[in-house]
Amino acid sequence: MNALTTEWVEKAESDYRAAQGLLPAIEPSGFVEAVCFHSQQCVEKYAKAFLQEHDIPSERADSRMEPLYSTCVSIEPDFGEYRGDFERLDDFGIEILYPGYSATTNDAREAMDIVTRFRTFIRSKLSLDQPSTSKGA
């Protein structure tokens, strides 16, 4: 795995750990949007790691999930099963951090379910060992 791919994976894992750590506290503390955001960021960064590993650099700027999905599925058709997940996570990008949009507890749980499934899938595509929550990915 090339060095930049490894950095993307490490950043994705950081978002995964954040979402996972905040999930138990969503009801009493209101971390709903944070769980949704970090879930979306994890999937985005893992997708960028996948592209980087295939020598397709991605923009650092925040982007919509659809173009990212389309590029990934053009390389690996197995991404096709995640189309709806990418579309759903698009709701939890940058916009969720600003007034005018709110997420629910169910949204946070759904986002965590999506990221957990996708993380297992993408780690296998990147030939990483079993998913772990350790820093070393």
C-alpha atoms as a PDB file:
ATOM      1  CA  MET A   1       0.000   0.000   0.000  1.00  0.00           C
ATOM      2  CA  ASN A   2       1.432   3.389  -0.899  1.00  0.00           C
ATOM      3  CA  ALA A   3       2.124   6.028   1.762  1.00  0.00           C
ATOM      4  CA  LEU A   4      -0.718   8.363   0.787  1.00  0.00           C
ATOM      5  CA  THR A   5      -3.218   5.499   0.848  1.00  0.00           C
ATOM      6  CA  THR A   6      -2.021   4.658   4.348  1.00  0.00           C
ATOM      7  CA  GLU A   7      -2.582   8.253   5.451  1.00  0.00           C
ATOM      8  CA  TRP A   8      -6.142   8.213   4.044  1.00  0.00           C
ATOM      9  CA  VAL A   9      -6.802   4.950   5.933  1.00  0.00           C
ATOM     10  CA  GLU A  10      -5.458   6.412   9.177  1.00  0.00           C
ATOM     11  CA  LYS A  11      -7.682   9.473   8.800  1.00  0.00           C
ATOM     12  CA  ALA A  12     -10.688   7.274   7.974  1.00  0.00           C
ATOM     13  CA  GLU A  13     -10.025   5.210  11.077  1.00  0.00           C
ATOM     14  CA  SER A  14      -9.865   8.362  13.186  1.00  0.00           C
ATOM     15  CA  ASP A  15     -13.344   9.334  11.968  1.00  0.00           C
ATOM     16  CA  TYR A  16     -14.594   5.796  12.566  1.00  0.00           C
ATOM     17  CA  ARG A  17     -13.331   5.824  16.157  1.00  0.00           C
ATOM     18  CA  ALA A  18     -14.920   9.250  16.724  1.00  0.00           C
ATOM     19  CA  ALA A  19     -18.316   8.110  15.424  1.00  0.00           C
ATOM     20  CA  GLN A  20     -18.133   4.846  17.323  1.00  0.00           C
ATOM     21  CA  GLY A  21     -17.127   6.599  20.555  1.00  0.00           C
ATOM     22  CA  LEU A  22     -19.884   9.197  20.314  1.00  0.00           C
ATOM     23  CA  LEU A  23     -22.675   6.773  19.388  1.00  0.00           C
ATOM     24  CA  PRO A  24     -23.436   5.601  22.956  1.00  0.00           C
ATOM     25  CA  ALA A  25     -23.862   9.232  24.033  1.00  0.00           C
ATOM     26  CA  ILE A  26     -26.192  10.429  21.265  1.00  0.00           C
ATOM     27  CA  GLU A  27     -29.373  10.520  23.310  1.00  0.00           C
ATOM     28  CA  PRO A  28     -28.323  12.261  26.511  1.00  0.00           C
ATOM     29  CA  SER A  29     -25.668  14.512  24.969  1.00  0.00           C
ATOM     30  CA  GLY A  30     -26.954  15.368  21.508  1.00  0.00           C
ATOM     31  CA  PHE A  31     -23.951  14.141  19.521  1.00  0.00           C
ATOM     32  CA  VAL A  32     -26.284  13.042  16.716  1.00  0.00           C
ATOM     33  CA  GLU A  33     -24.829  15.315  14.034  1.00  0.00           C
ATOM     34  CA  ALA A  34     -21.263  14.454  15.068  1.00  0.00           C
ATOM     35  CA  VAL A  35     -21.901  10.713  14.653  1.00  0.00           C
ATOM     36  CA  CYS A  36     -23.472  11.336  11.241  1.00  0.00           C
ATOM     37  CA  PHE A  37     -20.652  13.641  10.129  1.00  0.00           C
ATOM     38  CA  HIS A  38     -17.818  11.349  11.235  1.00  0.00           C
ATOM     39  CA  SER A  39     -19.542   8.369   9.616  1.00  0.00           C
ATOM     40  CA  GLN A  40     -19.758  10.248   6.318  1.00  0.00           C
ATOM     41  CA  GLN A  41     -16.149  11.376   6.626  1.00  0.00           C
ATOM     42  CA  CYS A  42     -14.946   7.833   7.295  1.00  0.00           C
ATOM     43  CA  VAL A  43     -16.606   6.491   4.148  1.00  0.00           C
ATOM     44  CA  GLU A  44     -15.362   9.439   2.088  1.00  0.00           C
ATOM     45  CA  LYS A  45     -11.768   8.971   3.271  1.00  0.00           C
ATOM     46  CA  TYR A  46     -11.825   5.206   2.764  1.00  0.00           C
ATOM     47  CA  ALA A  47     -13.142   5.737  -0.771  1.00  0.00           C
ATOM     48  CA  LYS A  48     -10.321   8.224  -1.387  1.00  0.00           C
ATOM     49  CA  ALA A  49      -7.837   5.679  -0.033  1.00  0.00           C
ATOM     50  CA  PHE A  50      -9.206   3.138  -2.519  1.00  0.00           C
ATOM     51  CA  LEU A  51      -8.830   5.612  -5.379  1.00  0.00           C
ATOM     52  CA  GLN A  52      -5.338   6.592  -4.276  1.00  0.00           C
ATOM     53  CA  GLU A  53      -4.332   2.939  -4.220  1.00  0.00           C
ATOM     54  CA  HIS A  54      -5.464   2.797  -7.857  1.00  0.00           C
ATOM     55  CA  ASP A  55      -3.351   5.872  -8.718  1.00  0.00           C
ATOM     56  CA  ILE A  56      -6.357   8.195  -8.919  1.00  0.00           C
ATOM     57  CA  PRO A  57      -5.712  11.217  -6.730  1.00  0.00           C
ATOM     58  CA  SER A  58      -8.711  12.873  -5.144  1.00  0.00           C
ATOM     59  CA  GLU A  59      -9.355  16.457  -4.252  1.00  0.00           C
ATOM     60  CA  ARG A  60      -8.847  17.561  -0.709  1.00  0.00           C
ATOM     61  CA  ALA A  61     -11.838  19.854  -0.883  1.00  0.00           C
ATOM     62  CA  ASP A  62     -15.116  18.664   0.537  1.00  0.00           C
ATOM     63  CA  SER A  63     -17.090  17.033  -2.198  1.00  0.00           C
ATOM     64  CA  ARG A  64     -20.376  15.335  -2.827  1.00  0.00           C
ATOM     65  CA  MET A  65     -20.406  11.585  -2.435  1.00  0.00           C
ATOM     66  CA  GLU A  66     -21.897  10.831  -5.888  1.00  0.00           C
ATOM     67  CA  PRO A  67     -18.801  11.654  -7.973  1.00  0.00           C
ATOM     68  CA  LEU A  68     -16.654   9.726  -5.516  1.00  0.00           C
ATOM     69  CA  TYR A  69     -18.994   6.737  -5.728  1.00  0.00           C
ATOM     70  CA  SER A  70     -19.079   6.863  -9.544  1.00  0.00           C
ATOM     71  CA  THR A  71     -15.308   6.811  -9.799  1.00  0.00           C
ATOM     72  CA  CYS A  72     -14.985   3.936  -7.326  1.00  0.00           C
ATOM     73  CA  VAL A  73     -17.657   1.797  -9.004  1.00  0.00           C
ATOM     74  CA  SER A  74     -15.990   2.337 -12.393  1.00  0.00           C
ATOM     75  CA  ILE A  75     -12.896   0.622 -10.973  1.00  0.00           C
ATOM     76  CA  GLU A  76     -14.615  -1.964  -8.797  1.00  0.00           C
ATOM     77  CA  PRO A  77     -18.185  -3.020  -9.650  1.00  0.00           C
ATOM     78  CA  ASP A  78     -18.680  -4.410  -6.111  1.00  0.00           C
ATOM     79  CA  PHE A  79     -19.119  -0.797  -4.996  1.00  0.00           C
ATOM     80  CA  GLY A  80     -22.521  -1.003  -6.709  1.00  0.00           C
ATOM     81  CA  GLU A  81     -24.122  -2.422  -3.598  1.00  0.00           C
ATOM     82  CA  TYR A  82     -23.216   0.778  -1.718  1.00  0.00           C
ATOM     83  CA  ARG A  83     -24.831   3.316  -4.061  1.00  0.00           C
ATOM     84  CA  GLY A  84     -27.749   3.998  -1.708  1.00  0.00           C
ATOM     85  CA  ASP A  85     -25.377   4.260   1.243  1.00  0.00           C
ATOM     86  CA  PHE A  86     -23.254   6.880  -0.525  1.00  0.00           C
ATOM     87  CA  GLU A  87     -26.425   8.799  -1.402  1.00  0.00           C
ATOM     88  CA  ARG A  88     -27.650   8.620   2.187  1.00  0.00           C
ATOM     89  CA  LEU A  89     -24.326   9.734   3.636  1.00  0.00           C
ATOM     90  CA  ASP A  90     -24.342  12.729   1.309  1.00  0.00           C
ATOM     91  CA  ASP A  91     -26.956  14.128   3.714  1.00  0.00           C
ATOM     92  CA  PHE A  92     -24.375  14.066   6.495  1.00  0.00           C
ATOM     93  CA  GLY A  93     -21.509  15.982   4.915  1.00  0.00           C
ATOM     94  CA  ILE A  94     -20.652  19.575   5.633  1.00  0.00           C
ATOM     95  CA  GLU A  95     -24.268  20.812   5.534  1.00  0.00           C
ATOM     96  CA  ILE A  96     -25.098  18.962   8.751  1.00  0.00           C
ATOM     97  CA  LEU A  97     -22.699  21.185  10.663  1.00  0.00           C
ATOM     98  CA  TYR A  98     -24.686  24.333   9.985  1.00  0.00           C
ATOM     99  CA  PRO A  99     -28.050  25.636  11.165  1.00  0.00           C
ATOM    100  CA  GLY A 100     -31.053  24.599   9.141  1.00  0.00           C
ATOM    101  CA  TYR A 101     -30.382  20.876   9.136  1.00  0.00           C
ATOM    102  CA  SER A 102     -30.842  18.444  11.987  1.00  0.00           C
ATOM    103  CA  ALA A 103     -30.333  14.739  12.258  1.00  0.00           C
ATOM    104  CA  THR A 104     -32.200  12.291  14.445  1.00  0.00           C
ATOM    105  CA  THR A 105     -31.054   9.483  16.677  1.00  0.00           C
ATOM    106  CA  ASN A 106     -32.231   7.075  13.975  1.00  0.00           C
ATOM    107  CA  ASP A 107     -30.104   8.934  11.405  1.00  0.00           C
ATOM    108  CA  ALA A 108     -27.043   8.508  13.620  1.00  0.00           C
ATOM    109  CA  ARG A 109     -27.682   4.796  14.080  1.00  0.00           C
ATOM    110  CA  GLU A 110     -28.248   4.376  10.331  1.00  0.00           C
ATOM    111  CA  ALA A 111     -25.027   6.262   9.538  1.00  0.00           C
ATOM    112  CA  MET A 112     -23.107   4.039  11.955  1.00  0.00           C
ATOM    113  CA  ASP A 113     -24.595   0.901  10.381  1.00  0.00           C
ATOM    114  CA  ILE A 114     -23.566   2.127   6.933  1.00  0.00           C
ATOM    115  CA  VAL A 115     -20.021   2.988   7.952  1.00  0.00           C
ATOM    116  CA  THR A 116     -19.562  -0.327   9.748  1.00  0.00           C
ATOM    117  CA  ARG A 117     -20.647  -2.339   6.682  1.00  0.00           C
ATOM    118  CA  PHE A 118     -18.666  -0.208   4.267  1.00  0.00           C
ATOM    119  CA  ARG A 119     -15.549  -0.280   6.439  1.00  0.00           C
ATOM    120  CA  THR A 120     -15.469  -4.070   6.381  1.00  0.00           C
ATOM    121  CA  PHE A 121     -15.962  -4.057   2.598  1.00  0.00           C
ATOM    122  CA  ILE A 122     -13.325  -1.439   1.819  1.00  0.00           C
ATOM    123  CA  ARG A 123     -10.721  -2.877   4.158  1.00  0.00           C
ATOM    124  CA  SER A 124     -11.017  -6.177   2.292  1.00  0.00           C
ATOM    125  CA  LYS A 125     -10.638  -4.339  -1.039  1.00  0.00           C
ATOM    126  CA  LEU A 126      -7.502  -2.660   0.304  1.00  0.00           C
ATOM    127  CA  SER A 127      -6.169  -6.027   1.535  1.00  0.00           C
ATOM    128  CA  LEU A 128      -6.066  -4.830   5.114  1.00  0.00           C
ATOM    129  CA  ASP A 129      -6.348  -7.246   7.981  1.00  0.00           C
ATOM    130  CA  GLN A 130      -9.576  -7.664   9.869  1.00  0.00           C
ATOM    131  CA  PRO A 131     -11.129  -4.345  10.892  1.00  0.00           C
ATOM    132  CA  SER A 132      -9.683  -3.018  14.067  1.00  0.00           C
ATOM    133  CA  THR A 133     -10.128   0.093  16.100  1.00  0.00           C
ATOM    134  CA  SER A 134      -6.442   0.458  16.850  1.00  0.00           C
ATOM    135  CA  LYS A 135      -4.582   3.513  15.634  1.00  0.00           C
ATOM    136  CA  GLY A 136      -2.348   1.561  13.263  1.00  0.00           C
ATOM    137  CA  ALA A 137      -5.239   0.547  11.005  1.00  0.00           C
END
